[in-house]
N, C-alpha and C. Protein backbone atom coordinates (compact mmCIF):
# COMPACT_ATOMS: atom_id res chain seq x y z
N MET A 1 11.20 82.75 51.49
CA MET A 1 11.54 81.40 51.86
C MET A 1 10.47 80.41 51.43
N THR A 2 9.22 80.83 51.59
CA THR A 2 8.14 79.93 51.23
C THR A 2 6.92 80.75 50.90
N GLY A 3 6.01 80.14 50.12
CA GLY A 3 4.77 80.82 49.80
C GLY A 3 3.65 80.44 50.73
N VAL A 4 3.94 79.63 51.74
CA VAL A 4 2.91 79.16 52.66
C VAL A 4 2.77 80.14 53.81
N ASP A 5 1.54 80.58 54.10
CA ASP A 5 1.30 81.46 55.23
C ASP A 5 1.01 80.63 56.47
N GLY A 6 1.44 81.13 57.64
CA GLY A 6 1.15 80.44 58.88
C GLY A 6 2.01 79.21 59.07
N PRO A 7 1.68 78.39 60.07
CA PRO A 7 2.50 77.21 60.37
C PRO A 7 2.39 76.14 59.29
N PHE A 8 3.48 75.43 59.07
CA PHE A 8 3.46 74.34 58.10
C PHE A 8 4.57 73.34 58.38
N PHE A 9 4.36 72.13 57.90
CA PHE A 9 5.40 71.10 57.89
C PHE A 9 6.09 71.11 56.53
N ARG A 10 7.39 70.94 56.53
CA ARG A 10 8.13 70.68 55.31
C ARG A 10 8.57 69.21 55.38
N VAL A 11 8.07 68.41 54.48
CA VAL A 11 8.24 66.96 54.52
C VAL A 11 9.22 66.54 53.43
N TYR A 12 10.29 65.86 53.82
CA TYR A 12 11.32 65.44 52.88
C TYR A 12 11.14 63.96 52.54
N ASP A 13 11.26 63.63 51.24
CA ASP A 13 11.13 62.23 50.85
C ASP A 13 12.50 61.57 50.86
N SER A 14 12.55 60.31 50.40
CA SER A 14 13.77 59.51 50.48
C SER A 14 14.88 60.05 49.58
N GLU A 15 14.54 60.91 48.61
CA GLU A 15 15.53 61.47 47.69
C GLU A 15 15.85 62.92 48.01
N GLY A 16 15.38 63.41 49.15
CA GLY A 16 15.68 64.77 49.57
C GLY A 16 14.76 65.83 49.02
N ARG A 17 13.81 65.43 48.18
CA ARG A 17 12.83 66.40 47.70
C ARG A 17 11.84 66.71 48.83
N HIS A 18 11.21 67.86 48.77
CA HIS A 18 10.30 68.19 49.85
C HIS A 18 9.00 68.78 49.33
N ARG A 19 7.99 68.66 50.16
CA ARG A 19 6.70 69.31 49.91
C ARG A 19 6.27 69.95 51.22
N GLU A 20 5.32 70.87 51.13
CA GLU A 20 4.90 71.60 52.31
C GLU A 20 3.43 71.34 52.59
N LEU A 21 3.12 71.13 53.85
CA LEU A 21 1.75 70.88 54.29
C LEU A 21 1.35 71.98 55.26
N ARG A 22 0.40 72.81 54.85
CA ARG A 22 -0.07 73.87 55.72
C ARG A 22 -0.88 73.28 56.87
N LEU A 23 -0.68 73.83 58.07
CA LEU A 23 -1.40 73.37 59.24
C LEU A 23 -2.48 74.39 59.59
N SER A 24 -3.69 73.92 59.83
CA SER A 24 -4.80 74.80 60.13
C SER A 24 -5.59 74.26 61.32
N PRO A 25 -6.04 75.15 62.21
CA PRO A 25 -6.88 74.70 63.33
C PRO A 25 -8.15 73.99 62.88
N LYS A 26 -8.56 74.22 61.63
CA LYS A 26 -9.75 73.55 61.12
C LYS A 26 -9.55 72.04 61.04
N GLN A 27 -8.30 71.61 60.89
CA GLN A 27 -7.96 70.19 60.98
C GLN A 27 -6.98 70.07 62.13
N SER A 28 -7.51 69.85 63.32
CA SER A 28 -6.70 69.97 64.54
C SER A 28 -5.90 68.72 64.87
N ARG A 29 -6.06 67.66 64.07
CA ARG A 29 -5.30 66.43 64.31
C ARG A 29 -4.72 65.94 62.99
N ILE A 30 -3.39 65.85 62.91
CA ILE A 30 -2.69 65.44 61.70
C ILE A 30 -1.96 64.13 62.01
N THR A 31 -2.30 63.07 61.28
CA THR A 31 -1.63 61.79 61.49
C THR A 31 -0.39 61.69 60.60
N ILE A 32 0.64 61.05 61.13
CA ILE A 32 1.91 60.89 60.42
C ILE A 32 2.29 59.41 60.49
N GLY A 33 2.59 58.81 59.35
CA GLY A 33 2.97 57.41 59.37
C GLY A 33 3.19 56.85 57.97
N ARG A 34 3.44 55.56 57.91
CA ARG A 34 3.71 54.87 56.64
C ARG A 34 2.44 54.58 55.86
N SER A 35 1.30 54.59 56.54
CA SER A 35 0.03 54.28 55.88
C SER A 35 -0.28 55.30 54.79
N PRO A 36 -0.73 54.86 53.62
CA PRO A 36 -1.15 55.80 52.57
C PRO A 36 -2.30 56.69 53.01
N LYS A 37 -3.03 56.28 54.05
CA LYS A 37 -4.17 57.06 54.53
C LYS A 37 -3.77 58.13 55.54
N ALA A 38 -2.50 58.13 55.97
CA ALA A 38 -2.05 59.14 56.92
C ALA A 38 -2.06 60.51 56.27
N ASP A 39 -2.33 61.54 57.05
CA ASP A 39 -2.31 62.91 56.51
C ASP A 39 -0.93 63.27 55.98
N VAL A 40 0.10 62.85 56.70
CA VAL A 40 1.48 62.96 56.22
C VAL A 40 1.95 61.53 56.00
N SER A 41 1.86 61.06 54.76
CA SER A 41 2.20 59.67 54.44
C SER A 41 3.67 59.56 54.05
N LEU A 42 4.42 58.81 54.85
CA LEU A 42 5.84 58.54 54.57
C LEU A 42 5.95 57.10 54.10
N PHE A 43 5.21 56.80 53.03
CA PHE A 43 5.03 55.42 52.56
C PHE A 43 6.34 54.78 52.11
N TRP A 44 7.35 55.58 51.81
CA TRP A 44 8.61 55.05 51.30
C TRP A 44 9.52 54.52 52.40
N ASP A 45 9.18 54.79 53.66
CA ASP A 45 10.09 54.51 54.77
C ASP A 45 9.63 53.28 55.54
N ASP A 46 10.35 52.17 55.37
CA ASP A 46 9.94 50.92 56.02
C ASP A 46 10.33 50.86 57.49
N GLU A 47 10.99 51.92 58.01
CA GLU A 47 11.33 51.97 59.44
C GLU A 47 10.27 52.70 60.25
N ILE A 48 9.24 53.18 59.56
CA ILE A 48 8.19 53.94 60.22
C ILE A 48 6.95 53.08 60.39
N SER A 49 6.27 53.24 61.52
CA SER A 49 5.03 52.52 61.78
C SER A 49 3.91 53.10 60.92
N ARG A 50 2.86 52.30 60.71
CA ARG A 50 1.75 52.77 59.88
C ARG A 50 1.13 54.03 60.46
N LEU A 51 0.94 54.07 61.77
CA LEU A 51 0.59 55.30 62.47
C LEU A 51 1.73 55.56 63.44
N HIS A 52 2.55 56.54 63.12
CA HIS A 52 3.79 56.73 63.86
C HIS A 52 3.68 57.82 64.91
N ALA A 53 3.06 58.94 64.55
CA ALA A 53 2.93 60.07 65.47
C ALA A 53 1.74 60.91 65.03
N VAL A 54 1.37 61.85 65.89
CA VAL A 54 0.22 62.72 65.62
C VAL A 54 0.60 64.15 65.98
N ALA A 55 0.23 65.10 65.13
CA ALA A 55 0.36 66.51 65.46
C ALA A 55 -1.02 67.03 65.84
N GLU A 56 -1.10 67.74 66.96
CA GLU A 56 -2.39 68.23 67.45
C GLU A 56 -2.33 69.72 67.71
N TYR A 57 -3.41 70.41 67.39
CA TYR A 57 -3.51 71.84 67.67
C TYR A 57 -4.14 72.03 69.04
N LEU A 58 -3.38 72.63 69.95
CA LEU A 58 -3.84 72.80 71.33
C LEU A 58 -3.80 74.28 71.68
N GLY A 59 -4.96 74.89 71.74
CA GLY A 59 -5.00 76.32 72.00
C GLY A 59 -4.43 77.10 70.83
N GLU A 60 -3.28 77.76 71.04
CA GLU A 60 -2.65 78.53 69.97
C GLU A 60 -1.38 77.85 69.46
N ARG A 61 -1.14 76.63 69.86
CA ARG A 61 0.12 75.98 69.51
C ARG A 61 -0.11 74.58 68.97
N TRP A 62 0.86 74.14 68.17
CA TRP A 62 0.87 72.77 67.66
C TRP A 62 1.81 71.93 68.52
N ALA A 63 1.40 70.70 68.77
CA ALA A 63 2.22 69.77 69.55
C ALA A 63 2.35 68.46 68.79
N LEU A 64 3.47 67.81 68.98
CA LEU A 64 3.72 66.50 68.38
C LEU A 64 3.61 65.45 69.47
N VAL A 65 2.88 64.38 69.17
CA VAL A 65 2.63 63.33 70.15
C VAL A 65 3.05 61.99 69.56
N ASP A 66 3.85 61.24 70.30
CA ASP A 66 4.16 59.86 69.91
C ASP A 66 3.36 58.93 70.81
N GLY A 67 3.56 59.02 72.10
CA GLY A 67 2.76 58.25 73.04
C GLY A 67 2.83 56.75 72.85
N GLY A 68 3.98 56.28 72.37
CA GLY A 68 4.14 54.84 72.19
C GLY A 68 3.51 54.29 70.93
N LEU A 69 3.08 55.18 70.02
CA LEU A 69 2.46 54.72 68.78
C LEU A 69 3.46 53.99 67.90
N SER A 70 4.72 54.41 67.93
CA SER A 70 5.71 53.88 67.00
C SER A 70 6.61 52.84 67.65
N LEU A 71 7.19 51.99 66.81
CA LEU A 71 8.12 50.98 67.30
C LEU A 71 9.53 51.54 67.46
N ASN A 72 9.95 52.40 66.52
CA ASN A 72 11.33 52.88 66.51
C ASN A 72 11.50 54.28 67.08
N GLY A 73 10.41 54.88 67.51
CA GLY A 73 10.51 56.18 68.18
C GLY A 73 10.51 57.37 67.23
N THR A 74 10.28 58.53 67.82
CA THR A 74 10.28 59.81 67.12
C THR A 74 11.28 60.72 67.82
N PHE A 75 12.07 61.45 67.04
CA PHE A 75 13.12 62.30 67.61
C PHE A 75 12.90 63.75 67.19
N VAL A 76 12.99 64.66 68.15
CA VAL A 76 12.86 66.09 67.87
C VAL A 76 14.15 66.77 68.28
N ASN A 77 14.82 67.40 67.30
CA ASN A 77 16.11 68.06 67.54
C ASN A 77 17.11 67.12 68.20
N GLY A 78 17.03 65.84 67.81
CA GLY A 78 17.99 64.85 68.29
C GLY A 78 17.59 64.11 69.55
N ASP A 79 16.54 64.57 70.22
CA ASP A 79 16.10 63.93 71.47
C ASP A 79 14.88 63.05 71.20
N ARG A 80 14.87 61.87 71.78
CA ARG A 80 13.73 60.98 71.60
C ARG A 80 12.50 61.56 72.29
N LEU A 81 11.40 61.58 71.56
CA LEU A 81 10.17 62.15 72.08
C LEU A 81 9.50 61.18 73.05
N ALA A 82 9.19 61.69 74.22
CA ALA A 82 8.46 60.91 75.21
C ALA A 82 7.18 61.66 75.53
N GLY A 83 6.08 61.20 74.99
CA GLY A 83 4.81 61.88 75.22
C GLY A 83 4.57 63.00 74.24
N ARG A 84 4.52 64.25 74.74
CA ARG A 84 4.10 65.39 73.93
C ARG A 84 5.21 66.44 73.88
N HIS A 85 5.37 67.07 72.70
CA HIS A 85 6.34 68.15 72.53
C HIS A 85 5.66 69.32 71.83
N THR A 86 5.67 70.50 72.46
CA THR A 86 5.13 71.70 71.82
C THR A 86 6.10 72.16 70.74
N LEU A 87 5.62 72.25 69.51
CA LEU A 87 6.50 72.55 68.38
C LEU A 87 6.87 74.02 68.34
N ARG A 88 8.13 74.27 68.01
CA ARG A 88 8.64 75.62 67.84
C ARG A 88 9.22 75.74 66.44
N PRO A 89 9.13 76.92 65.83
CA PRO A 89 9.70 77.07 64.48
C PRO A 89 11.15 76.63 64.42
N GLY A 90 11.47 75.85 63.40
CA GLY A 90 12.82 75.33 63.24
C GLY A 90 13.02 73.95 63.81
N ASP A 91 12.05 73.40 64.53
CA ASP A 91 12.18 72.05 65.06
C ASP A 91 12.39 71.05 63.92
N VAL A 92 13.32 70.13 64.15
CA VAL A 92 13.60 69.08 63.17
C VAL A 92 13.11 67.76 63.74
N ILE A 93 12.16 67.15 63.04
CA ILE A 93 11.54 65.90 63.47
C ILE A 93 12.11 64.77 62.62
N ARG A 94 12.61 63.73 63.28
CA ARG A 94 13.13 62.57 62.55
C ARG A 94 12.40 61.32 63.02
N MET A 95 12.01 60.53 62.05
CA MET A 95 11.41 59.22 62.33
C MET A 95 11.85 58.29 61.22
N GLY A 96 12.38 57.14 61.62
CA GLY A 96 12.94 56.25 60.62
C GLY A 96 14.04 56.96 59.84
N LYS A 97 13.95 56.89 58.51
CA LYS A 97 14.92 57.56 57.65
C LYS A 97 14.39 58.89 57.13
N SER A 98 13.26 59.34 57.67
CA SER A 98 12.58 60.53 57.14
C SER A 98 12.77 61.73 58.05
N ARG A 99 12.55 62.90 57.45
CA ARG A 99 12.74 64.16 58.18
C ARG A 99 11.60 65.11 57.86
N ILE A 100 11.10 65.77 58.90
CA ILE A 100 10.07 66.79 58.77
C ILE A 100 10.53 67.99 59.58
N THR A 101 10.41 69.18 59.02
CA THR A 101 10.72 70.38 59.78
C THR A 101 9.45 71.20 59.98
N PHE A 102 9.39 71.89 61.11
CA PHE A 102 8.23 72.71 61.44
C PHE A 102 8.60 74.18 61.30
N HIS A 103 7.73 74.93 60.61
CA HIS A 103 7.99 76.35 60.36
C HIS A 103 6.75 77.16 60.68
N ASP A 104 6.99 78.41 61.07
CA ASP A 104 5.89 79.35 61.26
C ASP A 104 6.47 80.75 61.13
N PHE A 105 6.25 81.39 59.98
CA PHE A 105 6.80 82.71 59.73
C PHE A 105 5.82 83.82 60.09
N THR A 106 4.74 83.47 60.81
CA THR A 106 3.77 84.47 61.23
C THR A 106 4.32 85.22 62.42
N GLU A 107 4.55 86.49 62.29
CA GLU A 107 5.16 87.27 63.38
C GLU A 107 4.21 87.37 64.56
N GLY A 108 4.73 87.00 65.74
CA GLY A 108 3.98 87.21 66.97
C GLY A 108 2.87 86.22 67.23
N VAL A 109 2.85 85.10 66.50
CA VAL A 109 1.79 84.12 66.74
C VAL A 109 1.98 83.51 68.12
N GLY A 110 0.90 83.44 68.89
CA GLY A 110 0.96 82.74 70.17
C GLY A 110 1.59 83.52 71.28
N GLY A 111 1.54 84.85 71.24
CA GLY A 111 2.04 85.64 72.36
C GLY A 111 3.53 85.53 72.53
N ASP A 112 4.00 84.73 73.52
CA ASP A 112 5.43 84.63 73.79
C ASP A 112 6.10 83.59 72.91
N ARG A 113 5.41 83.11 71.94
CA ARG A 113 5.94 82.10 71.02
C ARG A 113 7.13 82.66 70.25
N THR A 114 7.96 81.78 69.72
CA THR A 114 9.07 82.19 68.90
C THR A 114 8.61 83.12 67.80
N LYS A 115 9.32 84.25 67.62
CA LYS A 115 8.94 85.22 66.61
C LYS A 115 10.02 85.31 65.55
N THR A 116 9.63 85.85 64.40
CA THR A 116 10.59 86.17 63.36
C THR A 116 10.58 87.67 63.16
N SER A 117 11.67 88.19 62.63
CA SER A 117 11.75 89.61 62.34
C SER A 117 10.99 89.91 61.06
N ARG A 118 10.93 91.17 60.71
CA ARG A 118 10.15 91.56 59.54
C ARG A 118 10.68 90.95 58.25
N ASP A 119 11.99 90.68 58.21
CA ASP A 119 12.54 90.08 56.99
C ASP A 119 12.52 88.56 57.05
N GLY A 120 11.81 87.98 58.01
CA GLY A 120 11.64 86.54 58.07
C GLY A 120 12.71 85.80 58.82
N LEU A 121 13.71 86.52 59.35
CA LEU A 121 14.79 85.87 60.09
C LEU A 121 14.40 85.69 61.55
N PRO A 122 14.92 84.66 62.21
CA PRO A 122 14.62 84.48 63.64
C PRO A 122 15.11 85.66 64.45
N THR A 123 14.49 85.87 65.60
CA THR A 123 14.96 86.90 66.53
C THR A 123 15.83 86.23 67.59
N LEU A 124 16.48 87.04 68.38
CA LEU A 124 17.34 86.52 69.44
C LEU A 124 16.57 85.61 70.38
N ASN A 125 15.34 86.00 70.73
CA ASN A 125 14.54 85.22 71.66
C ASN A 125 14.05 83.91 71.08
N SER A 126 14.21 83.73 69.76
CA SER A 126 13.74 82.49 69.13
C SER A 126 14.74 81.36 69.28
N LEU A 127 15.95 81.67 69.75
CA LEU A 127 16.99 80.65 69.87
C LEU A 127 17.15 80.24 71.33
N THR A 128 17.41 78.96 71.53
CA THR A 128 17.76 78.50 72.87
C THR A 128 19.19 78.94 73.18
N ALA A 129 19.56 78.87 74.45
CA ALA A 129 20.92 79.25 74.84
C ALA A 129 21.96 78.39 74.12
N SER A 130 21.66 77.10 73.97
CA SER A 130 22.61 76.20 73.30
C SER A 130 22.74 76.55 71.82
N GLN A 131 21.60 76.83 71.17
CA GLN A 131 21.65 77.20 69.75
C GLN A 131 22.45 78.49 69.56
N ARG A 132 22.25 79.44 70.45
CA ARG A 132 22.96 80.71 70.31
C ARG A 132 24.46 80.52 70.54
N SER A 133 24.84 79.69 71.49
CA SER A 133 26.27 79.47 71.72
C SER A 133 26.92 78.80 70.51
N VAL A 134 26.18 77.92 69.85
CA VAL A 134 26.71 77.25 68.65
C VAL A 134 26.87 78.24 67.51
N VAL A 135 25.86 79.11 67.30
CA VAL A 135 25.95 80.04 66.17
C VAL A 135 27.00 81.11 66.43
N ILE A 136 27.20 81.50 67.69
CA ILE A 136 28.27 82.45 68.01
C ILE A 136 29.63 81.83 67.67
N ALA A 137 29.82 80.58 68.07
CA ALA A 137 31.08 79.90 67.76
C ALA A 137 31.27 79.74 66.26
N LEU A 138 30.17 79.48 65.55
CA LEU A 138 30.24 79.36 64.08
C LEU A 138 30.72 80.66 63.45
N CYS A 139 30.24 81.78 63.97
CA CYS A 139 30.54 83.09 63.39
C CYS A 139 31.87 83.68 63.86
N ARG A 140 32.46 83.13 64.91
CA ARG A 140 33.62 83.76 65.53
C ARG A 140 34.74 84.09 64.53
N PRO A 141 35.08 83.20 63.59
CA PRO A 141 36.17 83.55 62.65
C PRO A 141 35.88 84.79 61.82
N TYR A 142 34.59 85.07 61.53
CA TYR A 142 34.25 86.26 60.76
C TYR A 142 34.49 87.54 61.55
N LEU A 143 34.25 87.49 62.86
CA LEU A 143 34.31 88.69 63.68
C LEU A 143 35.68 88.91 64.32
N THR A 144 36.54 87.91 64.25
CA THR A 144 37.88 88.06 64.83
C THR A 144 38.97 88.02 63.77
N GLY A 145 38.61 87.65 62.54
CA GLY A 145 39.61 87.56 61.48
C GLY A 145 40.07 88.94 61.03
N MET A 146 41.30 89.00 60.60
CA MET A 146 41.89 90.25 60.15
C MET A 146 41.81 90.41 58.64
N ASP A 147 41.30 89.40 57.94
CA ASP A 147 41.21 89.50 56.48
C ASP A 147 39.79 89.18 56.05
N GLY A 148 39.56 89.27 54.76
CA GLY A 148 38.22 89.06 54.25
C GLY A 148 37.96 87.64 53.79
N PHE A 149 38.81 86.71 54.19
CA PHE A 149 38.70 85.34 53.68
C PHE A 149 38.39 84.34 54.80
N ALA A 150 37.76 84.80 55.86
CA ALA A 150 37.44 83.91 56.98
C ALA A 150 36.40 82.90 56.55
N LEU A 151 36.48 81.72 57.14
CA LEU A 151 35.51 80.65 56.92
C LEU A 151 34.80 80.36 58.24
N PRO A 152 33.55 79.91 58.20
CA PRO A 152 32.86 79.57 59.46
C PRO A 152 33.59 78.45 60.17
N ALA A 153 33.47 78.43 61.48
CA ALA A 153 34.16 77.44 62.30
C ALA A 153 33.70 76.03 61.95
N THR A 154 34.60 75.07 62.06
CA THR A 154 34.27 73.67 61.83
C THR A 154 33.47 73.13 63.00
N ASN A 155 32.82 71.98 62.80
CA ASN A 155 32.07 71.34 63.88
C ASN A 155 32.97 71.05 65.08
N GLN A 156 34.18 70.59 64.81
CA GLN A 156 35.09 70.26 65.91
C GLN A 156 35.48 71.51 66.69
N ARG A 157 35.74 72.58 65.97
CA ARG A 157 36.11 73.84 66.65
C ARG A 157 34.95 74.36 67.50
N ILE A 158 33.73 74.26 66.98
CA ILE A 158 32.55 74.67 67.76
C ILE A 158 32.41 73.80 68.99
N ALA A 159 32.55 72.48 68.80
CA ALA A 159 32.42 71.54 69.92
C ALA A 159 33.43 71.85 71.02
N ASP A 160 34.66 72.15 70.63
CA ASP A 160 35.69 72.47 71.61
C ASP A 160 35.37 73.74 72.38
N GLU A 161 34.76 74.71 71.69
CA GLU A 161 34.47 75.99 72.33
C GLU A 161 33.30 75.90 73.30
N VAL A 162 32.24 75.18 72.90
CA VAL A 162 31.02 75.19 73.71
C VAL A 162 30.88 73.93 74.57
N PHE A 163 31.88 73.03 74.50
CA PHE A 163 31.91 71.82 75.32
C PHE A 163 30.73 70.89 75.01
N PHE A 164 30.39 70.78 73.73
CA PHE A 164 29.42 69.80 73.26
C PHE A 164 30.17 68.73 72.47
N SER A 165 29.50 67.58 72.27
CA SER A 165 30.05 66.61 71.34
C SER A 165 29.83 67.11 69.92
N VAL A 166 30.59 66.58 68.98
CA VAL A 166 30.42 66.97 67.58
C VAL A 166 29.02 66.60 67.10
N ASP A 167 28.50 65.44 67.54
CA ASP A 167 27.15 65.03 67.14
C ASP A 167 26.10 66.03 67.64
N THR A 168 26.28 66.53 68.87
CA THR A 168 25.34 67.51 69.41
C THR A 168 25.41 68.81 68.61
N VAL A 169 26.61 69.21 68.23
CA VAL A 169 26.77 70.41 67.40
C VAL A 169 26.03 70.23 66.08
N LYS A 170 26.14 69.06 65.48
CA LYS A 170 25.47 68.80 64.20
C LYS A 170 23.95 68.92 64.34
N VAL A 171 23.42 68.40 65.45
CA VAL A 171 21.98 68.49 65.69
C VAL A 171 21.54 69.95 65.78
N HIS A 172 22.30 70.74 66.55
CA HIS A 172 21.94 72.16 66.70
C HIS A 172 22.07 72.90 65.37
N LEU A 173 23.07 72.57 64.59
CA LEU A 173 23.24 73.24 63.30
C LEU A 173 22.10 72.89 62.36
N ARG A 174 21.64 71.65 62.36
CA ARG A 174 20.51 71.28 61.51
C ARG A 174 19.27 72.09 61.89
N THR A 175 19.07 72.27 63.19
CA THR A 175 17.93 73.08 63.65
C THR A 175 18.10 74.53 63.22
N LEU A 176 19.30 75.05 63.33
CA LEU A 176 19.57 76.44 62.93
C LEU A 176 19.40 76.62 61.42
N PHE A 177 19.85 75.64 60.65
CA PHE A 177 19.65 75.71 59.19
C PHE A 177 18.17 75.86 58.86
N ALA A 178 17.34 75.09 59.57
CA ALA A 178 15.89 75.14 59.32
C ALA A 178 15.32 76.48 59.77
N LYS A 179 15.74 76.96 60.94
CA LYS A 179 15.20 78.22 61.45
C LYS A 179 15.53 79.39 60.54
N PHE A 180 16.70 79.36 59.94
CA PHE A 180 17.12 80.45 59.07
C PHE A 180 16.76 80.20 57.61
N GLY A 181 16.09 79.06 57.34
CA GLY A 181 15.61 78.79 55.99
C GLY A 181 16.69 78.48 54.99
N VAL A 182 17.81 77.90 55.43
CA VAL A 182 18.91 77.61 54.50
C VAL A 182 19.14 76.11 54.33
N GLU A 183 18.22 75.28 54.86
CA GLU A 183 18.47 73.84 54.84
C GLU A 183 18.51 73.24 53.46
N ASP A 184 17.94 73.95 52.46
CA ASP A 184 17.92 73.41 51.11
C ASP A 184 19.12 73.83 50.26
N LEU A 185 19.99 74.66 50.82
CA LEU A 185 21.19 75.07 50.08
C LEU A 185 22.16 73.90 49.98
N PRO A 186 23.06 73.92 48.99
CA PRO A 186 24.11 72.90 48.93
C PRO A 186 24.91 72.87 50.23
N GLN A 187 25.39 71.70 50.58
CA GLN A 187 26.05 71.51 51.86
C GLN A 187 27.20 72.48 52.09
N ASN A 188 27.94 72.81 51.03
CA ASN A 188 29.11 73.68 51.19
C ASN A 188 28.73 75.15 51.30
N GLN A 189 27.43 75.48 51.21
CA GLN A 189 27.00 76.88 51.32
C GLN A 189 26.22 77.17 52.60
N LYS A 190 25.69 76.12 53.24
CA LYS A 190 24.79 76.33 54.38
C LYS A 190 25.46 77.09 55.52
N ARG A 191 26.65 76.68 55.89
CA ARG A 191 27.31 77.24 57.07
C ARG A 191 27.63 78.72 56.88
N ALA A 192 28.18 79.04 55.69
CA ALA A 192 28.52 80.43 55.42
C ALA A 192 27.27 81.30 55.37
N ARG A 193 26.20 80.80 54.77
CA ARG A 193 24.96 81.57 54.68
C ARG A 193 24.34 81.76 56.07
N LEU A 194 24.37 80.71 56.90
CA LEU A 194 23.86 80.83 58.26
C LEU A 194 24.64 81.89 59.03
N ALA A 195 25.97 81.85 58.94
CA ALA A 195 26.79 82.83 59.65
C ALA A 195 26.47 84.24 59.16
N ASN A 196 26.34 84.40 57.85
CA ASN A 196 26.04 85.71 57.29
C ASN A 196 24.71 86.25 57.80
N LEU A 197 23.69 85.40 57.82
CA LEU A 197 22.36 85.83 58.27
C LEU A 197 22.34 86.11 59.77
N ALA A 198 23.08 85.31 60.54
CA ALA A 198 23.11 85.52 61.99
C ALA A 198 23.74 86.88 62.32
N ILE A 199 24.77 87.25 61.57
CA ILE A 199 25.41 88.55 61.79
C ILE A 199 24.52 89.67 61.27
N LYS A 200 23.93 89.47 60.08
CA LYS A 200 23.05 90.48 59.49
C LYS A 200 21.86 90.78 60.39
N SER A 201 21.31 89.75 61.03
CA SER A 201 20.12 89.93 61.86
C SER A 201 20.44 90.52 63.23
N GLY A 202 21.74 90.57 63.58
CA GLY A 202 22.13 91.09 64.87
C GLY A 202 22.12 90.05 65.98
N ILE A 203 21.78 88.80 65.65
CA ILE A 203 21.79 87.74 66.66
C ILE A 203 23.22 87.51 67.16
N VAL A 204 24.19 87.68 66.28
CA VAL A 204 25.61 87.61 66.65
C VAL A 204 26.26 88.94 66.28
N SER A 205 26.97 89.51 67.21
CA SER A 205 27.67 90.77 66.95
C SER A 205 29.04 90.73 67.63
N GLU A 206 29.81 91.78 67.41
CA GLU A 206 31.17 91.82 67.96
C GLU A 206 31.17 91.76 69.49
N ARG A 207 30.13 92.24 70.12
CA ARG A 207 30.10 92.21 71.59
C ARG A 207 29.98 90.79 72.14
N ASP A 208 29.60 89.82 71.27
CA ASP A 208 29.49 88.43 71.71
C ASP A 208 30.83 87.71 71.67
N ILE A 209 31.82 88.31 71.03
CA ILE A 209 33.09 87.63 70.83
C ILE A 209 34.06 87.99 71.94
């Protein structure tokens, strides 16, 4: 998925291209903002404050802090950040028109922290209950279909099954795309690849249906 060891940010520019920034305890404070001097400079985004947010290394974990630094706010997995958020692999950070995802493929980092399996896929414990319910609903047509031409469930079908809004389903799917490392695939391939990996990894099985 990536050649970067340990935790890192994947930073997307205004045209969807991305670069990766390795995070190290040796630099325990990472500034994010529109300023060219920011460690993560999102200079192309006029909706972002010059100093918008800060990532800090606290003990064995990275945390994202807004603390009122920004005018338009910082959102993590669709929720507006108030104060501090401990980052977990697959978190999707949005500020202005920009997007940053947090990844850590180091197995077992931080004790009870989210882990990945040996092949780099998330484990069952790495997903929240809401994320797991969404991915189960996504995979349901594959495990209940009688033919080999099943397609992953639509957002509306997932929303109806798990009693979320369609917008909430989209937020969870974006997080799942990042966790499974498929966010860079073409839009028409992401859902099928996510479903395939979720079943392959054992996160979703016939007993869940």
